[in-house]
Amino acid sequence: MPSQALSMTLLSRVSDGMPLAASMEDEKDHRELDGLKSQAKRIVKQLTASSPSKVSIDSGSSFFHYINSGGVCYLCLTDRGYPKRLAFNYLEELQREFVNKYEHEVSSVSRPYAFIKFDTFIQKTKKLYIDTRTQRNLNKVRLRLRLRIACVWRVLASGPAHSCCSRACLLVLHS
């Protein structure tokens, strides 16, 4: 497995699987990375507009995480121990910027990697997410946890009439 926590990022058009932008780390074991690239492309090719919006896929020593939104799949590969929440935060940041810049161009591009210049933003954003212990990333995780705890207390305070909601909210807390 690659040594980086975020070793691959791929943005693709969902309708036909065309790669729009990508960022790959320069790895020593190219055979393993080539296999993972192929697996990422297979994942994207199987997506449709009605596929789940957020998914994590176990790939042995790593995970693929993706967001399927607005006709674009934002996919990254992480080490097995990398927090899912940070992987999705990373993908959400990429999504916001990509939609901001290129949303109206996605359906009309006819060549692969038409938005390769987006790699600069991918690289900058990736640097912010590589170390899971940075204060910025810890703050994001803490904020999510506080929001979930507040949800649990609101549901529990609403009484036994909402006990099924209480259990559901507690399950969310542990996800």
C-alpha atoms as a PDB file:
ATOM      1  CA  MET A   1       0.000   0.000   0.000  1.00  0.00           C
ATOM      2  CA  PRO A   2       1.211   3.514  -0.722  1.00  0.00           C
ATOM      3  CA  SER A   3       2.730   5.367   2.211  1.00  0.00           C
ATOM      4  CA  GLN A   4       0.580   8.494   1.923  1.00  0.00           C
ATOM      5  CA  ALA A   5      -2.709   8.629   3.819  1.00  0.00           C
ATOM      6  CA  LEU A   6      -4.355  10.026   0.673  1.00  0.00           C
ATOM      7  CA  SER A   7      -2.606   8.321  -2.200  1.00  0.00           C
ATOM      8  CA  MET A   8      -4.989   8.792  -5.122  1.00  0.00           C
ATOM      9  CA  THR A   9      -7.783  11.169  -6.085  1.00  0.00           C
ATOM     10  CA  LEU A  10      -9.966  10.787  -9.161  1.00  0.00           C
ATOM     11  CA  LEU A  11     -12.821  12.983 -10.392  1.00  0.00           C
ATOM     12  CA  SER A  12     -14.953  11.379 -13.092  1.00  0.00           C
ATOM     13  CA  ARG A  13     -18.168  12.040 -14.954  1.00  0.00           C
ATOM     14  CA  VAL A  14     -20.747   9.530 -13.742  1.00  0.00           C
ATOM     15  CA  SER A  15     -22.692   9.189 -16.997  1.00  0.00           C
ATOM     16  CA  ASP A  16     -19.796   7.585 -18.887  1.00  0.00           C
ATOM     17  CA  GLY A  17     -16.953   7.203 -16.369  1.00  0.00           C
ATOM     18  CA  MET A  18     -14.758   9.733 -18.179  1.00  0.00           C
ATOM     19  CA  PRO A  19     -11.908  10.920 -15.922  1.00  0.00           C
ATOM     20  CA  LEU A  20     -12.092  14.701 -15.488  1.00  0.00           C
ATOM     21  CA  ALA A  21      -9.143  15.296 -13.157  1.00  0.00           C
ATOM     22  CA  ALA A  22      -6.796  13.147 -11.110  1.00  0.00           C
ATOM     23  CA  SER A  23      -3.900  13.261  -8.752  1.00  0.00           C
ATOM     24  CA  MET A  24      -1.690  10.261  -8.133  1.00  0.00           C
ATOM     25  CA  GLU A  25       1.276   9.981  -5.841  1.00  0.00           C
ATOM     26  CA  ASP A  26       4.554   8.830  -7.332  1.00  0.00           C
ATOM     27  CA  GLU A  27       4.839   5.395  -5.762  1.00  0.00           C
ATOM     28  CA  LYS A  28       7.606   2.808  -5.733  1.00  0.00           C
ATOM     29  CA  ASP A  29       5.338  -0.175  -6.364  1.00  0.00           C
ATOM     30  CA  HIS A  30       3.729   0.814  -9.665  1.00  0.00           C
ATOM     31  CA  ARG A  31       2.101  -2.605 -10.144  1.00  0.00           C
ATOM     32  CA  GLU A  32       0.103  -2.227  -6.937  1.00  0.00           C
ATOM     33  CA  LEU A  33      -0.860   1.359  -7.771  1.00  0.00           C
ATOM     34  CA  ASP A  34      -1.845   0.346 -11.315  1.00  0.00           C
ATOM     35  CA  GLY A  35      -4.139  -2.312  -9.856  1.00  0.00           C
ATOM     36  CA  LEU A  36      -5.718   0.242  -7.533  1.00  0.00           C
ATOM     37  CA  LYS A  37      -6.169   2.715 -10.410  1.00  0.00           C
ATOM     38  CA  SER A  38      -7.950   0.017 -12.391  1.00  0.00           C
ATOM     39  CA  GLN A  39     -10.150  -0.775  -9.415  1.00  0.00           C
ATOM     40  CA  ALA A  40     -11.008   2.933  -9.017  1.00  0.00           C
ATOM     41  CA  LYS A  41     -11.997   3.160 -12.677  1.00  0.00           C
ATOM     42  CA  ARG A  42     -14.183   0.047 -12.333  1.00  0.00           C
ATOM     43  CA  ILE A  43     -15.940   1.590  -9.329  1.00  0.00           C
ATOM     44  CA  VAL A  44     -16.663   4.769 -11.273  1.00  0.00           C
ATOM     45  CA  LYS A  45     -17.889   2.888 -14.357  1.00  0.00           C
ATOM     46  CA  GLN A  46     -20.480   1.060 -12.231  1.00  0.00           C
ATOM     47  CA  LEU A  47     -21.987   4.279 -10.830  1.00  0.00           C
ATOM     48  CA  THR A  48     -25.241   5.808 -11.952  1.00  0.00           C
ATOM     49  CA  ALA A  49     -27.003   9.001 -10.958  1.00  0.00           C
ATOM     50  CA  SER A  50     -29.072   6.939  -8.504  1.00  0.00           C
ATOM     51  CA  SER A  51     -26.054   5.275  -6.828  1.00  0.00           C
ATOM     52  CA  PRO A  52     -25.512   6.131  -3.152  1.00  0.00           C
ATOM     53  CA  SER A  53     -24.100   9.612  -2.586  1.00  0.00           C
ATOM     54  CA  LYS A  54     -21.361   8.638  -0.082  1.00  0.00           C
ATOM     55  CA  VAL A  55     -19.668   5.254   0.076  1.00  0.00           C
ATOM     56  CA  SER A  56     -16.523   3.648   1.492  1.00  0.00           C
ATOM     57  CA  ILE A  57     -15.270   0.463  -0.167  1.00  0.00           C
ATOM     58  CA  ASP A  58     -12.827  -1.892   1.535  1.00  0.00           C
ATOM     59  CA  SER A  59      -9.888  -2.744  -0.694  1.00  0.00           C
ATOM     60  CA  GLY A  60      -7.689  -4.849   1.561  1.00  0.00           C
ATOM     61  CA  SER A  61      -5.051  -2.580   3.058  1.00  0.00           C
ATOM     62  CA  SER A  62      -6.874   0.558   1.915  1.00  0.00           C
ATOM     63  CA  PHE A  63     -10.277   2.123   1.367  1.00  0.00           C
ATOM     64  CA  PHE A  64     -11.851   3.859  -1.581  1.00  0.00           C
ATOM     65  CA  HIS A  65     -14.195   6.657  -0.527  1.00  0.00           C
ATOM     66  CA  TYR A  66     -16.410   8.496  -2.948  1.00  0.00           C
ATOM     67  CA  ILE A  67     -19.047  11.189  -3.188  1.00  0.00           C
ATOM     68  CA  ASN A  68     -21.464  10.853  -6.104  1.00  0.00           C
ATOM     69  CA  SER A  69     -23.061  14.247  -6.704  1.00  0.00           C
ATOM     70  CA  GLY A  70     -24.196  16.384  -9.604  1.00  0.00           C
ATOM     71  CA  GLY A  71     -23.064  13.892 -12.214  1.00  0.00           C
ATOM     72  CA  VAL A  72     -19.495  13.786 -10.866  1.00  0.00           C
ATOM     73  CA  CYS A  73     -17.791  11.132  -8.750  1.00  0.00           C
ATOM     74  CA  TYR A  74     -15.159  12.461  -6.326  1.00  0.00           C
ATOM     75  CA  LEU A  75     -13.099   9.433  -5.299  1.00  0.00           C
ATOM     76  CA  CYS A  76     -10.001   9.026  -3.131  1.00  0.00           C
ATOM     77  CA  LEU A  77      -7.915   6.125  -1.887  1.00  0.00           C
ATOM     78  CA  THR A  78      -6.744   6.155   1.726  1.00  0.00           C
ATOM     79  CA  ASP A  79      -4.736   3.979   4.054  1.00  0.00           C
ATOM     80  CA  ARG A  80      -6.902   1.639   6.085  1.00  0.00           C
ATOM     81  CA  GLY A  81      -6.349   3.619   9.296  1.00  0.00           C
ATOM     82  CA  TYR A  82      -7.188   7.012   7.827  1.00  0.00           C
ATOM     83  CA  PRO A  83     -10.402   8.436   9.370  1.00  0.00           C
ATOM     84  CA  LYS A  84     -13.422   8.146   7.060  1.00  0.00           C
ATOM     85  CA  ARG A  85     -14.748  11.489   8.281  1.00  0.00           C
ATOM     86  CA  LEU A  86     -11.568  13.262   7.128  1.00  0.00           C
ATOM     87  CA  ALA A  87     -11.660  11.463   3.783  1.00  0.00           C
ATOM     88  CA  PHE A  88     -15.193  12.730   3.200  1.00  0.00           C
ATOM     89  CA  ASN A  89     -14.276  16.234   4.416  1.00  0.00           C
ATOM     90  CA  TYR A  90     -11.452  16.196   1.864  1.00  0.00           C
ATOM     91  CA  LEU A  91     -13.798  15.081  -0.921  1.00  0.00           C
ATOM     92  CA  GLU A  92     -16.397  17.684   0.095  1.00  0.00           C
ATOM     93  CA  GLU A  93     -13.779  20.447  -0.191  1.00  0.00           C
ATOM     94  CA  LEU A  94     -12.835  19.209  -3.655  1.00  0.00           C
ATOM     95  CA  GLN A  95     -16.496  19.025  -4.607  1.00  0.00           C
ATOM     96  CA  ARG A  96     -17.223  22.610  -3.493  1.00  0.00           C
ATOM     97  CA  GLU A  97     -14.299  24.014  -5.464  1.00  0.00           C
ATOM     98  CA  PHE A  98     -14.914  21.897  -8.550  1.00  0.00           C
ATOM     99  CA  VAL A  99     -18.614  22.802  -8.679  1.00  0.00           C
ATOM    100  CA  ASN A 100     -17.692  26.453  -8.176  1.00  0.00           C
ATOM    101  CA  LYS A 101     -15.316  26.446 -11.135  1.00  0.00           C
ATOM    102  CA  TYR A 102     -16.501  23.806 -13.584  1.00  0.00           C
ATOM    103  CA  GLU A 103     -20.081  22.734 -12.875  1.00  0.00           C
ATOM    104  CA  HIS A 104     -21.453  23.988 -16.196  1.00  0.00           C
ATOM    105  CA  GLU A 105     -18.629  22.495 -18.269  1.00  0.00           C
ATOM    106  CA  VAL A 106     -18.770  18.873 -17.065  1.00  0.00           C
ATOM    107  CA  SER A 107     -21.415  17.619 -19.478  1.00  0.00           C
ATOM    108  CA  SER A 108     -19.761  19.154 -22.540  1.00  0.00           C
ATOM    109  CA  VAL A 109     -16.164  17.934 -22.189  1.00  0.00           C
ATOM    110  CA  SER A 110     -15.147  15.364 -24.776  1.00  0.00           C
ATOM    111  CA  ARG A 111     -11.615  14.422 -23.756  1.00  0.00           C
ATOM    112  CA  PRO A 112     -10.316  12.683 -20.629  1.00  0.00           C
ATOM    113  CA  TYR A 113      -8.666  14.807 -17.941  1.00  0.00           C
ATOM    114  CA  ALA A 114     -10.092  18.020 -19.414  1.00  0.00           C
ATOM    115  CA  PHE A 115      -9.773  19.648 -15.981  1.00  0.00           C
ATOM    116  CA  ILE A 116      -6.223  18.521 -15.247  1.00  0.00           C
ATOM    117  CA  LYS A 117      -5.405  22.032 -14.047  1.00  0.00           C
ATOM    118  CA  PHE A 118      -7.644  21.232 -11.061  1.00  0.00           C
ATOM    119  CA  ASP A 119      -4.761  19.025  -9.863  1.00  0.00           C
ATOM    120  CA  THR A 120      -3.162  22.129  -8.336  1.00  0.00           C
ATOM    121  CA  PHE A 121      -6.144  22.537  -6.017  1.00  0.00           C
ATOM    122  CA  ILE A 122      -6.197  18.795  -5.297  1.00  0.00           C
ATOM    123  CA  GLN A 123      -2.528  18.885  -4.265  1.00  0.00           C
ATOM    124  CA  LYS A 124      -2.973  21.932  -2.010  1.00  0.00           C
ATOM    125  CA  THR A 125      -6.018  20.418  -0.350  1.00  0.00           C
ATOM    126  CA  LYS A 126      -4.364  17.024   0.032  1.00  0.00           C
ATOM    127  CA  LYS A 127      -1.498  18.614   1.972  1.00  0.00           C
ATOM    128  CA  LEU A 128      -4.016  19.896   4.510  1.00  0.00           C
ATOM    129  CA  TYR A 129      -5.414  16.398   5.044  1.00  0.00           C
ATOM    130  CA  ILE A 130      -2.307  14.198   5.016  1.00  0.00           C
ATOM    131  CA  ASP A 131      -1.609  14.508   8.740  1.00  0.00           C
ATOM    132  CA  THR A 132      -4.728  13.442  10.627  1.00  0.00           C
ATOM    133  CA  ARG A 133      -3.358  15.004  13.811  1.00  0.00           C
ATOM    134  CA  THR A 134      -3.105  18.590  12.585  1.00  0.00           C
ATOM    135  CA  GLN A 135      -5.091  21.030  14.673  1.00  0.00           C
ATOM    136  CA  ARG A 136      -7.286  21.882  11.673  1.00  0.00           C
ATOM    137  CA  ASN A 137      -8.335  18.274  11.157  1.00  0.00           C
ATOM    138  CA  LEU A 138      -8.810  17.565  14.853  1.00  0.00           C
ATOM    139  CA  ASN A 139     -11.078  20.605  15.096  1.00  0.00           C
ATOM    140  CA  LYS A 140     -13.236  19.320  12.220  1.00  0.00           C
ATOM    141  CA  VAL A 141     -13.663  15.929  13.876  1.00  0.00           C
ATOM    142  CA  ARG A 142     -14.422  17.521  17.275  1.00  0.00           C
ATOM    143  CA  LEU A 143     -17.054  19.791  15.733  1.00  0.00           C
ATOM    144  CA  ARG A 144     -18.806  16.824  14.076  1.00  0.00           C
ATOM    145  CA  LEU A 145     -18.763  14.944  17.366  1.00  0.00           C
ATOM    146  CA  ARG A 146     -20.244  17.911  19.284  1.00  0.00           C
ATOM    147  CA  LEU A 147     -23.030  18.206  16.703  1.00  0.00           C
ATOM    148  CA  ARG A 148     -23.833  14.509  16.993  1.00  0.00           C
ATOM    149  CA  ILE A 149     -23.856  14.641  20.799  1.00  0.00           C
ATOM    150  CA  ALA A 150     -26.212  17.637  20.689  1.00  0.00           C
ATOM    151  CA  CYS A 151     -28.497  15.620  18.393  1.00  0.00           C
ATOM    152  CA  VAL A 152     -28.505  12.723  20.839  1.00  0.00           C
ATOM    153  CA  TRP A 153     -29.395  14.964  23.783  1.00  0.00           C
ATOM    154  CA  ARG A 154     -32.230  16.628  21.825  1.00  0.00           C
ATOM    155  CA  VAL A 155     -33.702  13.268  20.907  1.00  0.00           C
ATOM    156  CA  LEU A 156     -33.328  11.857  24.406  1.00  0.00           C
ATOM    157  CA  ALA A 157     -34.906  14.981  25.904  1.00  0.00           C
ATOM    158  CA  SER A 158     -37.969  14.553  23.685  1.00  0.00           C
ATOM    159  CA  GLY A 159     -39.039  11.554  25.742  1.00  0.00           C
ATOM    160  CA  PRO A 160     -39.993   7.913  25.217  1.00  0.00           C
ATOM    161  CA  ALA A 161     -42.322   8.707  22.338  1.00  0.00           C
ATOM    162  CA  HIS A 162     -39.242   9.081  20.193  1.00  0.00           C
ATOM    163  CA  SER A 163     -37.313   6.072  21.498  1.00  0.00           C
ATOM    164  CA  CYS A 164     -36.815   4.659  17.992  1.00  0.00           C
ATOM    165  CA  CYS A 165     -35.280   7.998  16.988  1.00  0.00           C
ATOM    166  CA  SER A 166     -33.098   7.861  20.091  1.00  0.00           C
ATOM    167  CA  ARG A 167     -31.632   4.530  19.033  1.00  0.00           C
ATOM    168  CA  ALA A 168     -31.099   5.777  15.486  1.00  0.00           C
ATOM    169  CA  CYS A 169     -29.360   8.913  16.711  1.00  0.00           C
ATOM    170  CA  LEU A 170     -27.096   6.844  18.990  1.00  0.00           C
ATOM    171  CA  LEU A 171     -26.162   4.706  15.978  1.00  0.00           C
ATOM    172  CA  VAL A 172     -25.234   7.877  14.101  1.00  0.00           C
ATOM    173  CA  LEU A 173     -23.038   8.897  17.017  1.00  0.00           C
ATOM    174  CA  HIS A 174     -20.979   5.735  16.639  1.00  0.00           C
ATOM    175  CA  SER A 175     -20.603   5.964  12.853  1.00  0.00           C
END
